[in-house]
Each structure stands twice: as C-alpha cells, then as structure tokens.
C-alpha cells in the first residue's frame, strides 16, 4: 500500500513522540531505582512502623502459658531541635487499654555516621507518667504539648542500634543493646538487654531480659520475643477468649512476661 506525504509525516512525528516518551519514562525510572535512601529516611520508616495500635493476640493464642494478649500503642509526641522524633509509647492488657502498666518515650534518629548502623532507637522514662496515660487516644488539644513532652523526658533507659535486614529476611530493621546491656535492678537483676526488630507490615518484635551478676536470667520471657501485629478490624471480637483474660495470679504474670518486669 502506498502512503501519501501527509500520512508519512504524521507517522514519523508519532514515532518521534513515542521515542521521546520512552526516553523520559526510562530516565525517571532509573532515577527512582538509583535514588539512595538517606539516613533520615531510615529513621522515618522506623518511626512510622512503631506508631499505631498493635496486639500480641496471635502469639497469646498459640502459647498462652508464656504470652499474654497485650496492647501496644504509640504515636508521635514531639520533635527535637536536631529533628529526632519523640514517640509516646504504652502497653496494657488487651481488656484494660485505659490502664497502661508500661509508659515510655521512644527517641528515633539516624545512627551517628561513624557507627555501622542505620537507626538509633532509645527509650526514656517519663517524668510524670500519670499525665500521659492514653495520650494517643486523646484529642491533640487535650494532650501535653510538644514543648511539655520535651521537658518531661527523664532517665535514659536503653538504646538499640538498628540495621537494615539482609535481603530475604522477614524483617526490615533489627538490632540489640550491647552485650553488657544497661543497668537494671528489678527483681535481683544488675543489667538488662533488649532485642528489637521492625518486621514487614508494621509488625514489631521485642524481647527484654534481665540478668544477675552471674549471668542468670532473672526476668523476661525465655521462649522468644513478643510479636505485636497491627490491630485487625476484628480486634474486639472474642473478648472473652482465654488469651485475652488477665492472669489470675500476678506472680505468674511477672514470671512469664517481660513487660511486667521493670
């Protein structure tokens, strides 16, 4: 079939447009693929993963003798001058979310450049923890404001240095305290250690243990870390499941769960 002059010109122009679009699209794709993740990007990913409501319900159902169904709740509370993010964090039994027994501030920032890690995650005590109960559940105008939060950051408790996980692993970031841990005097301990992992789908695994001078573990679960998964839409179903009931004996709870052992 013969092609007239006008038709041929349009075909050439259309081909040029297609080639140009392909080149532009390819350049954008290459730029996105080669763009490196900054130190602060890592810190922001960890902060987002820590935030929200999570439960250990699945783990408690599998192994009710060693794990309770606990509620994890965390949200942004302030930002430091150096851009470190401060998160408020609390834990409670699933059935009594308004009565947290553990309250902390998390401070999230990039690791110092000289260290071989990506994110520094530190925990701090709260000066007046009672004022912060259910912080994340309250309207923002009814919470302590950022400047108050910064003023209420108290004793430094632990620091975990997180690294990006290797390809093929389920986690995104993982890390631990130094082998000698941090000072801790609860229940005969002289030091405690923490292991922490940020998993895919905003799941958090955390394992705290206390040891005496002889290296004997005196508190904390021995079987493995607590596994906190984001709250499903059916969080409030099966309210009276055995895994959701608080322990009959607090002594048993103290022996079986690190979260009660401070």
Protein backbone atom coordinates (compact mmCIF):
# COMPACT_ATOMS: atom_id res chain seq x y z
CA UNK A 1 0.00 0.00 0.00
CA UNK A 2 1.30 3.44 -0.90
CA UNK A 3 1.43 6.16 1.78
CA UNK A 4 0.73 9.75 0.92
CA UNK A 5 3.02 12.63 2.05
CA UNK A 6 0.76 13.77 4.93
CA UNK A 7 0.30 10.28 6.30
CA UNK A 8 4.01 9.57 6.23
CA UNK A 9 4.81 12.81 8.08
CA UNK A 10 2.31 12.02 10.80
CA UNK A 11 3.72 8.51 11.21
CA UNK A 12 7.25 9.91 11.65
CA UNK A 13 6.07 12.53 14.13
CA UNK A 14 4.14 9.96 16.14
CA UNK A 15 7.20 7.68 16.25
CA UNK A 16 9.33 10.57 17.50
CA UNK A 17 6.82 11.36 20.25
CA UNK A 18 6.72 7.72 21.36
CA UNK A 19 10.52 7.52 21.46
CA UNK A 20 10.72 10.75 23.45
CA UNK A 21 8.16 9.50 26.00
CA UNK A 22 10.02 6.21 26.35
CA UNK A 23 13.30 8.03 26.97
CA UNK A 24 11.74 10.34 29.57
CA UNK A 25 9.97 7.42 31.29
CA UNK A 26 13.18 5.40 31.33
CA UNK A 27 15.13 8.30 32.81
CA UNK A 28 12.55 8.75 35.60
CA UNK A 29 12.57 5.02 36.36
CA UNK A 30 16.37 4.89 36.52
CA UNK A 31 16.41 7.92 38.81
CA UNK A 32 13.91 6.30 41.16
CA UNK A 33 15.77 2.99 41.18
CA UNK A 34 19.15 4.59 41.81
CA UNK A 35 18.00 7.14 44.38
CA UNK A 36 19.66 6.24 47.67
CA UNK A 37 17.75 6.13 50.94
CA UNK A 38 19.01 8.84 53.28
CA UNK A 39 19.82 8.41 56.97
CA UNK A 40 16.68 10.32 57.88
CA UNK A 41 14.56 8.17 55.54
CA UNK A 42 15.52 5.13 57.63
CA UNK A 43 14.59 6.92 60.84
CA UNK A 44 11.21 7.94 59.42
CA UNK A 45 10.45 4.38 58.30
CA UNK A 46 11.15 3.07 61.81
CA UNK A 47 9.04 5.84 63.40
CA UNK A 48 6.08 5.02 61.17
CA UNK A 49 6.43 1.31 61.93
CA UNK A 50 6.47 1.94 65.69
CA UNK A 51 3.36 4.10 65.54
CA UNK A 52 -0.15 2.74 65.84
CA UNK A 53 -2.09 0.11 67.76
CA UNK A 54 -0.76 -3.46 67.79
CA UNK A 55 -1.58 -6.66 69.67
CA UNK A 56 0.14 -9.93 70.64
CA UNK A 57 -3.16 -11.82 70.31
CA UNK A 58 -1.96 -14.42 67.80
CA UNK A 59 1.07 -15.28 69.90
CA UNK A 60 -1.00 -15.49 73.10
CA UNK A 61 -3.41 -17.87 71.36
CA UNK A 62 -0.54 -20.12 70.28
CA UNK A 63 1.27 -20.12 73.63
CA UNK A 64 -0.97 -18.84 76.46
CA UNK A 65 1.37 -20.23 79.13
CA UNK A 66 4.12 -17.77 78.23
CA UNK A 67 2.49 -14.83 76.44
CA UNK A 68 -0.44 -12.54 77.16
CA UNK A 69 -2.56 -10.65 74.66
CA UNK A 70 -1.11 -7.18 75.14
CA UNK A 71 -1.91 -3.89 73.51
CA UNK A 72 0.91 -1.77 72.09
CA UNK A 73 0.07 1.87 71.38
CA UNK A 74 2.46 4.54 70.14
CA UNK A 75 2.22 7.87 68.34
CA UNK A 76 4.35 10.97 67.57
CA UNK A 77 4.63 13.35 70.52
CA UNK A 78 7.34 15.91 69.70
CA UNK A 79 10.36 16.71 67.54
CA UNK A 80 13.74 17.68 68.94
CA UNK A 81 15.87 20.55 67.66
CA UNK A 82 18.08 18.06 65.76
CA UNK A 83 14.94 16.59 64.09
CA UNK A 84 14.95 13.43 66.24
CA UNK A 85 11.37 12.24 66.63
CA UNK A 86 9.91 11.56 70.07
CA UNK A 87 7.13 8.97 70.26
CA UNK A 88 4.93 8.23 73.26
CA UNK A 89 4.52 4.51 73.94
CA UNK A 90 2.38 2.49 76.34
CA UNK A 91 1.42 -1.15 76.93
CA UNK A 92 -1.66 -2.55 78.60
CA UNK A 93 -3.60 -5.79 78.83
CA UNK A 94 -5.99 -6.12 75.90
CA UNK A 95 -9.08 -5.93 78.08
CA UNK A 96 -7.91 -2.88 80.07
CA UNK A 97 -6.47 -0.48 77.47
CA UNK A 98 -7.18 2.53 79.71
CA UNK A 99 -4.84 1.18 82.39
CA UNK A 100 -1.36 1.00 80.87
CA UNK A 101 1.28 -0.52 83.09
CA UNK A 102 4.24 0.48 80.96
CA UNK A 103 4.84 4.00 79.62
CA UNK A 104 7.90 5.28 77.80
CA UNK A 105 9.21 7.83 75.35
CA UNK A 106 10.96 6.49 72.26
CA UNK A 107 13.50 8.74 70.57
CA UNK A 108 14.23 7.85 66.95
CA UNK A 109 17.10 9.29 64.91
CA UNK A 110 19.79 8.18 62.44
CA UNK A 111 22.83 6.42 63.83
CA UNK A 112 25.97 8.56 64.14
CA UNK A 113 27.89 8.46 60.86
CA UNK A 114 30.85 6.69 62.44
CA UNK A 115 28.68 3.74 63.54
CA UNK A 116 27.77 0.76 61.36
CA UNK A 117 24.02 1.00 61.82
CA UNK A 118 21.08 2.89 60.35
CA UNK A 119 18.72 3.94 63.17
CA UNK A 120 19.27 4.70 66.84
CA UNK A 121 16.24 3.83 68.98
CA UNK A 122 16.40 4.98 72.62
CA UNK A 123 13.87 4.64 75.43
CA UNK A 124 13.39 7.17 78.22
CA UNK A 125 11.34 7.27 81.38
CA UNK A 126 8.56 9.88 81.66
CA UNK A 127 8.79 12.47 84.42
CA UNK A 128 5.08 12.30 85.34
CA UNK A 129 3.72 9.23 83.58
CA UNK A 130 0.22 9.66 85.04
CA UNK A 131 -0.32 12.79 82.91
CA UNK A 132 0.41 10.78 79.75
CA UNK A 133 -1.96 7.85 80.20
CA UNK A 134 -3.90 7.22 76.97
CA UNK A 135 -2.00 10.08 75.31
CA UNK A 136 -2.56 8.71 71.79
CA UNK A 137 -6.29 8.16 72.36
CA UNK A 138 -6.91 11.79 73.32
CA UNK A 139 -7.64 14.73 71.00
CA UNK A 140 -4.42 16.65 70.31
CA UNK A 141 -5.59 19.71 72.22
CA UNK A 142 -6.06 17.57 75.34
CA UNK A 143 -2.55 16.11 75.33
CA UNK A 144 0.66 17.54 76.77
CA UNK A 145 2.04 19.77 74.02
CA UNK A 146 5.43 19.14 72.30
CA UNK A 147 7.34 21.61 74.47
CA UNK A 148 5.94 19.91 77.58
CA UNK A 149 6.83 16.49 76.20
CA UNK A 150 10.45 17.53 75.70
CA UNK A 151 10.56 18.84 79.26
CA UNK A 152 9.17 15.55 80.59
CA UNK A 153 11.85 13.32 79.05
CA UNK A 154 13.51 11.76 82.09
CA UNK A 155 16.06 9.00 82.71
CA UNK A 156 17.65 7.28 79.71
CA UNK A 157 16.90 3.55 79.91
CA UNK A 158 18.20 1.72 76.84
CA UNK A 159 19.45 2.27 73.30
CA UNK A 160 19.17 -0.20 70.44
CA UNK A 161 21.09 0.28 67.20
CA UNK A 162 19.11 -0.98 64.22
CA UNK A 163 20.48 -2.14 60.88
CA UNK A 164 18.66 -2.84 57.66
CA UNK A 165 17.93 -6.55 57.36
CA UNK A 166 19.56 -8.60 54.66
CA UNK A 167 17.58 -9.48 51.56
CA UNK A 168 15.31 -12.46 52.01
CA UNK A 169 14.69 -11.91 55.72
CA UNK A 170 11.21 -11.14 57.07
CA UNK A 171 12.41 -8.04 58.90
CA UNK A 172 13.16 -4.54 57.67
CA UNK A 173 15.42 -3.48 60.56
CA UNK A 174 16.84 -5.36 63.54
CA UNK A 175 19.23 -4.71 66.37
CA UNK A 176 20.03 -5.08 70.04
CA UNK A 177 21.62 -3.40 73.01
CA UNK A 178 25.34 -4.01 73.64
CA UNK A 179 26.09 -7.48 75.13
CA UNK A 180 26.55 -6.00 78.60
CA UNK A 181 23.18 -4.22 78.28
CA UNK A 182 22.11 -1.37 80.53
CA UNK A 183 21.84 -1.10 84.34
CA UNK A 184 18.65 -2.59 85.80
CA UNK A 185 17.85 -3.51 89.40
CA UNK A 186 14.39 -5.07 89.10
CA UNK A 187 13.90 -8.48 90.73
CA UNK A 188 17.58 -9.04 91.51
CA UNK A 189 18.89 -8.03 88.09
CA UNK A 190 22.03 -5.95 87.61
CA UNK A 191 21.61 -5.37 83.88
CA UNK A 192 19.07 -5.88 81.10
CA UNK A 193 19.26 -6.46 77.37
CA UNK A 194 16.84 -5.70 74.55
CA UNK A 195 16.43 -7.16 71.08
CA UNK A 196 14.24 -5.33 68.61
CA UNK A 197 13.03 -5.98 65.08
CA UNK A 198 10.84 -3.97 62.73
CA UNK A 199 9.07 -6.50 60.54
CA UNK A 200 7.16 -6.07 57.31
CA UNK A 201 3.54 -4.85 57.54
CA UNK A 202 4.38 -2.68 60.60
CA UNK A 203 4.81 -5.69 62.88
CA UNK A 204 7.18 -5.24 65.86
CA UNK A 205 9.13 -7.96 67.69
CA UNK A 206 10.67 -7.01 71.03
CA UNK A 207 12.48 -9.06 73.68
CA UNK A 208 13.69 -7.67 77.01
CA UNK A 209 15.52 -9.76 79.62
CA UNK A 210 17.17 -9.10 82.98
CA UNK A 211 20.30 -10.84 84.33
CA UNK A 212 22.09 -11.01 87.67
CA UNK A 213 25.84 -10.69 88.32
CA UNK A 214 26.38 -14.35 87.45
CA UNK A 215 24.64 -14.05 84.09
CA UNK A 216 21.49 -15.87 85.19
CA UNK A 217 18.25 -14.62 83.62
CA UNK A 218 16.04 -13.36 86.45
CA UNK A 219 13.19 -11.83 84.48
CA UNK A 220 11.78 -11.85 80.98
CA UNK A 221 10.32 -14.50 78.73
CA UNK A 222 12.79 -17.20 77.71
CA UNK A 223 10.98 -18.61 74.68
CA UNK A 224 11.41 -15.64 72.33
CA UNK A 225 10.33 -12.06 71.63
CA UNK A 226 6.84 -10.67 71.92
CA UNK A 227 5.24 -10.29 68.49
CA UNK A 228 3.00 -7.26 68.09
CA UNK A 229 0.88 -7.13 64.96
CA UNK A 230 -1.25 -4.18 63.76
CA UNK A 231 -4.80 -4.22 65.08
CA UNK A 232 -7.19 -6.10 62.75
CA UNK A 233 -10.69 -4.81 62.20
CA UNK A 234 -11.94 -7.62 64.42
CA UNK A 235 -9.87 -6.55 67.43
CA UNK A 236 -12.88 -6.51 69.69
CA UNK A 237 -14.19 -9.93 68.69
CA UNK A 238 -13.69 -12.88 71.04
CA UNK A 239 -13.44 -10.57 74.03
CA UNK A 240 -13.59 -13.43 76.49
CA UNK A 241 -11.10 -15.69 74.79
CA UNK A 242 -8.72 -17.18 77.41
CA UNK A 243 -5.77 -15.41 75.78
CA UNK A 244 -7.46 -12.06 76.41
CA UNK A 245 -8.06 -12.55 80.11
CA UNK A 246 -5.61 -11.01 82.58
CA UNK A 247 -3.65 -13.54 84.65
CA UNK A 248 -5.32 -14.92 87.78
CA UNK A 249 -2.05 -14.56 89.62
CA UNK A 250 0.13 -11.53 89.06
CA UNK A 251 3.08 -13.62 90.27
CA UNK A 252 2.63 -15.91 87.29
CA UNK A 253 2.47 -12.85 85.06
CA UNK A 254 5.69 -11.49 86.48
CA UNK A 255 7.46 -14.79 85.89
CA UNK A 256 6.14 -15.25 82.38
CA UNK A 257 6.17 -11.85 80.74
CA UNK A 258 8.99 -9.35 80.45
CA UNK A 259 6.58 -6.45 80.13
CA UNK A 260 5.64 -6.66 83.79
CA UNK A 261 9.23 -6.76 84.90
CA UNK A 262 10.82 -3.37 85.13
